[in-house]
Each structure stands twice: as C-alpha cells, then as structure tokens.
C-alpha cells in the first residue's frame, strides 16, 4: 500500500473508525479525525502520533452539514 497524502476518518474515536485510524497511522498517514467526543479524539490522536502518523482533531457532529463543511475546510488548510 502506498502512503496516503491525507485521510479523513469520521467516527474516529471508537469502534471501526478507531480501527481505521490505527491502520492508516501505521502507514504514517496525516489524518483528520472527526467525531463528537473530544476525549476519544484526543486519545486517537495520541495513538496516531505513537504509530508515526500526524492527526488533526476535529470535534464534529456529522449530522450537521455546517460542521462537516467547516471541518473539511480546516483539513484542506493543513
């Protein structure tokens, strides 16, 4: 697998989303981590960094288009 430029993961703080985060972190990916819970997102960020990746924590409710759009804009700026 080639190293991705940027990966954005919704539901990044737990479950399948967190597993996806770990997988891409092992490849050294740069990631935008989206979920509602800040504590879970911060824990995921620490995991990403420990595995060699970089992460931007973005607390977002994906049911809100405005929040998702703002998060996408932040990811594009980094």
N, C-alpha and C. Protein backbone atom coordinates (compact mmCIF):
# COMPACT_ATOMS: atom_id res chain seq x y z
N UNK A 1 0.83 -1.18 0.00
CA UNK A 1 0.00 0.00 0.00
C UNK A 1 0.87 1.24 0.00
N UNK A 2 0.56 2.20 -0.86
CA UNK A 2 1.32 3.43 -0.86
C UNK A 2 0.84 4.34 0.24
N UNK A 3 1.69 5.19 0.70
CA UNK A 3 1.36 6.10 1.79
C UNK A 3 0.39 7.17 1.31
N UNK A 4 -0.75 7.31 1.97
CA UNK A 4 -1.72 8.33 1.56
C UNK A 4 -1.26 9.72 1.94
N UNK A 5 -1.67 10.70 1.16
CA UNK A 5 -1.38 12.09 1.50
C UNK A 5 -2.16 12.51 2.73
N UNK A 6 -3.49 12.42 2.65
CA UNK A 6 -4.36 12.82 3.75
C UNK A 6 -5.54 11.86 3.82
N UNK A 7 -5.90 11.48 5.03
CA UNK A 7 -7.06 10.61 5.26
C UNK A 7 -7.95 11.32 6.28
N UNK A 8 -9.24 11.35 6.00
CA UNK A 8 -10.21 11.90 6.96
C UNK A 8 -11.10 10.75 7.40
N UNK A 9 -11.22 10.57 8.72
CA UNK A 9 -11.98 9.46 9.27
C UNK A 9 -13.09 10.01 10.16
N UNK A 10 -14.34 9.69 9.81
CA UNK A 10 -15.45 10.02 10.70
C UNK A 10 -15.64 8.88 11.69
N UNK A 11 -16.12 9.21 12.86
CA UNK A 11 -16.25 8.19 13.90
C UNK A 11 -14.90 7.71 14.38
N UNK A 12 -13.92 8.60 14.36
CA UNK A 12 -12.52 8.24 14.61
C UNK A 12 -12.21 7.90 16.06
N UNK A 13 -13.13 8.18 16.97
CA UNK A 13 -12.81 8.00 18.39
C UNK A 13 -13.08 6.59 18.92
N UNK A 14 -13.80 5.76 18.17
CA UNK A 14 -14.15 4.42 18.70
C UNK A 14 -14.51 3.46 17.57
N UNK A 15 -14.59 2.19 17.92
CA UNK A 15 -15.09 1.16 17.02
C UNK A 15 -14.32 1.03 15.72
N UNK A 16 -15.08 0.86 14.64
CA UNK A 16 -14.47 0.67 13.32
C UNK A 16 -13.66 1.89 12.91
N UNK A 17 -14.19 3.08 13.20
CA UNK A 17 -13.45 4.30 12.86
C UNK A 17 -12.09 4.34 13.52
N UNK A 18 -12.01 3.95 14.78
CA UNK A 18 -10.74 3.94 15.50
C UNK A 18 -9.80 2.90 14.91
N UNK A 19 -10.33 1.76 14.48
CA UNK A 19 -9.51 0.73 13.84
C UNK A 19 -8.94 1.24 12.52
N UNK A 20 -9.74 1.98 11.77
CA UNK A 20 -9.27 2.58 10.51
C UNK A 20 -8.15 3.58 10.81
N UNK A 21 -8.32 4.37 11.85
CA UNK A 21 -7.30 5.33 12.26
C UNK A 21 -5.98 4.62 12.54
N UNK A 22 -6.04 3.55 13.30
CA UNK A 22 -4.81 2.80 13.63
C UNK A 22 -4.14 2.25 12.37
N UNK A 23 -4.94 1.74 11.46
CA UNK A 23 -4.39 1.15 10.23
C UNK A 23 -3.62 2.19 9.42
N UNK A 24 -4.24 3.35 9.21
CA UNK A 24 -3.56 4.39 8.44
C UNK A 24 -2.40 5.01 9.21
N UNK A 25 -2.50 5.07 10.52
CA UNK A 25 -1.40 5.61 11.33
C UNK A 25 -0.14 4.78 11.15
N UNK A 26 -0.30 3.46 11.06
CA UNK A 26 0.87 2.59 10.86
C UNK A 26 1.56 2.87 9.53
N UNK A 27 0.84 3.46 8.58
CA UNK A 27 1.42 3.82 7.29
C UNK A 27 2.00 5.24 7.31
N UNK A 28 1.92 5.91 8.46
CA UNK A 28 2.45 7.26 8.59
C UNK A 28 1.55 8.33 7.99
N UNK A 29 0.27 8.06 7.90
CA UNK A 29 -0.67 8.99 7.27
C UNK A 29 -0.85 10.27 8.08
N UNK A 30 -1.22 11.31 7.38
CA UNK A 30 -1.70 12.54 8.00
C UNK A 30 -3.21 12.43 8.00
N UNK A 31 -3.85 12.69 9.15
CA UNK A 31 -5.28 12.43 9.26
C UNK A 31 -6.05 13.56 9.89
N UNK A 32 -7.27 13.70 9.42
CA UNK A 32 -8.28 14.50 10.09
C UNK A 32 -9.17 13.52 10.83
N UNK A 33 -9.28 13.69 12.14
CA UNK A 33 -10.07 12.79 12.98
C UNK A 33 -11.36 13.49 13.37
N UNK A 34 -12.50 12.95 12.93
CA UNK A 34 -13.80 13.55 13.20
C UNK A 34 -14.64 12.64 14.08
N UNK A 35 -15.24 13.23 15.10
CA UNK A 35 -16.21 12.56 15.97
C UNK A 35 -16.75 13.63 16.92
N UNK A 36 -17.75 13.27 17.68
CA UNK A 36 -18.32 14.24 18.61
C UNK A 36 -17.52 14.38 19.90
N UNK A 37 -16.95 13.31 20.40
CA UNK A 37 -16.30 13.32 21.71
C UNK A 37 -14.84 13.73 21.66
N UNK A 38 -14.52 14.82 22.32
CA UNK A 38 -13.15 15.33 22.31
C UNK A 38 -12.18 14.38 23.00
N UNK A 39 -12.59 13.78 24.13
CA UNK A 39 -11.68 12.89 24.85
C UNK A 39 -11.25 11.71 23.99
N UNK A 40 -12.21 11.08 23.31
CA UNK A 40 -11.88 9.97 22.42
C UNK A 40 -11.01 10.39 21.26
N UNK A 41 -11.27 11.58 20.72
CA UNK A 41 -10.46 12.08 19.62
C UNK A 41 -9.03 12.35 20.06
N UNK A 42 -8.87 12.92 21.24
CA UNK A 42 -7.51 13.19 21.74
C UNK A 42 -6.75 11.88 21.97
N UNK A 43 -7.44 10.87 22.48
CA UNK A 43 -6.80 9.56 22.66
C UNK A 43 -6.40 8.97 21.31
N UNK A 44 -7.26 9.11 20.31
CA UNK A 44 -6.94 8.62 18.97
C UNK A 44 -5.74 9.38 18.40
N UNK A 45 -5.70 10.70 18.63
CA UNK A 45 -4.55 11.49 18.15
C UNK A 45 -3.25 10.99 18.77
N UNK A 46 -3.28 10.71 20.06
CA UNK A 46 -2.07 10.20 20.72
C UNK A 46 -1.64 8.87 20.11
N UNK A 47 -2.61 8.00 19.81
CA UNK A 47 -2.29 6.72 19.17
C UNK A 47 -1.66 6.94 17.80
N UNK A 48 -2.26 7.83 17.03
CA UNK A 48 -1.73 8.13 15.69
C UNK A 48 -0.28 8.57 15.78
N UNK A 49 -0.01 9.50 16.67
CA UNK A 49 1.36 10.01 16.80
C UNK A 49 2.32 8.94 17.29
N UNK A 50 1.88 8.08 18.19
CA UNK A 50 2.72 6.99 18.68
C UNK A 50 3.05 5.99 17.58
N UNK A 51 2.14 5.86 16.61
CA UNK A 51 2.34 4.93 15.50
C UNK A 51 3.04 5.58 14.29
N UNK A 52 3.39 6.85 14.40
CA UNK A 52 4.14 7.50 13.34
C UNK A 52 3.36 8.41 12.41
N UNK A 53 2.08 8.59 12.67
CA UNK A 53 1.27 9.48 11.83
C UNK A 53 1.13 10.85 12.45
N UNK A 54 0.35 11.69 11.79
CA UNK A 54 0.02 13.02 12.31
C UNK A 54 -1.49 13.17 12.24
N UNK A 55 -2.07 13.85 13.23
CA UNK A 55 -3.53 13.95 13.26
C UNK A 55 -4.00 15.33 13.68
N UNK A 56 -5.09 15.73 13.07
CA UNK A 56 -5.80 16.96 13.41
C UNK A 56 -7.13 16.54 14.03
N UNK A 57 -7.37 16.95 15.26
CA UNK A 57 -8.61 16.60 15.97
C UNK A 57 -9.69 17.61 15.61
N UNK A 58 -10.83 17.10 15.14
CA UNK A 58 -11.93 17.95 14.72
C UNK A 58 -13.24 17.45 15.34
N UNK A 59 -13.63 18.01 16.48
CA UNK A 59 -14.91 17.62 17.08
C UNK A 59 -16.06 18.08 16.17
N UNK A 60 -16.82 17.12 15.66
CA UNK A 60 -17.85 17.40 14.66
C UNK A 60 -19.03 16.45 14.87
N UNK A 61 -20.23 16.98 14.69
CA UNK A 61 -21.42 16.13 14.59
C UNK A 61 -21.70 15.98 13.10
N UNK A 62 -21.49 14.79 12.55
CA UNK A 62 -21.62 14.61 11.10
C UNK A 62 -23.06 14.78 10.61
N UNK A 63 -24.01 14.90 11.52
CA UNK A 63 -25.39 15.19 11.12
C UNK A 63 -25.55 16.67 10.75
N UNK A 64 -24.54 17.48 11.05
CA UNK A 64 -24.59 18.90 10.75
C UNK A 64 -23.70 19.22 9.55
N UNK A 65 -24.33 19.55 8.42
CA UNK A 65 -23.58 19.88 7.21
C UNK A 65 -22.62 21.03 7.47
N UNK A 66 -23.05 22.02 8.23
CA UNK A 66 -22.21 23.18 8.51
C UNK A 66 -20.93 22.76 9.22
N UNK A 67 -21.04 21.89 10.21
CA UNK A 67 -19.85 21.43 10.94
C UNK A 67 -18.94 20.60 10.05
N UNK A 68 -19.52 19.74 9.23
CA UNK A 68 -18.71 18.90 8.32
C UNK A 68 -17.99 19.78 7.31
N UNK A 69 -18.68 20.75 6.76
CA UNK A 69 -18.07 21.66 5.78
C UNK A 69 -16.92 22.45 6.41
N UNK A 70 -17.12 22.93 7.63
CA UNK A 70 -16.06 23.66 8.33
C UNK A 70 -14.86 22.74 8.61
N UNK A 71 -15.13 21.50 8.98
CA UNK A 71 -14.04 20.55 9.24
C UNK A 71 -13.25 20.27 7.96
N UNK A 72 -13.96 20.12 6.85
CA UNK A 72 -13.29 19.89 5.56
C UNK A 72 -12.38 21.06 5.21
N UNK A 73 -12.86 22.26 5.46
CA UNK A 73 -12.05 23.45 5.19
C UNK A 73 -10.80 23.47 6.05
N UNK A 74 -10.91 23.07 7.32
CA UNK A 74 -9.73 23.01 8.20
C UNK A 74 -8.72 21.99 7.71
N UNK A 75 -9.21 20.82 7.28
CA UNK A 75 -8.30 19.77 6.77
C UNK A 75 -7.57 20.28 5.53
N UNK A 76 -8.26 20.97 4.66
CA UNK A 76 -7.65 21.48 3.44
C UNK A 76 -6.57 22.52 3.74
N UNK A 77 -6.68 23.23 4.83
CA UNK A 77 -5.70 24.27 5.19
C UNK A 77 -4.39 23.71 5.73
N UNK A 78 -4.44 22.48 6.22
CA UNK A 78 -3.24 21.91 6.87
C UNK A 78 -2.36 21.25 5.85
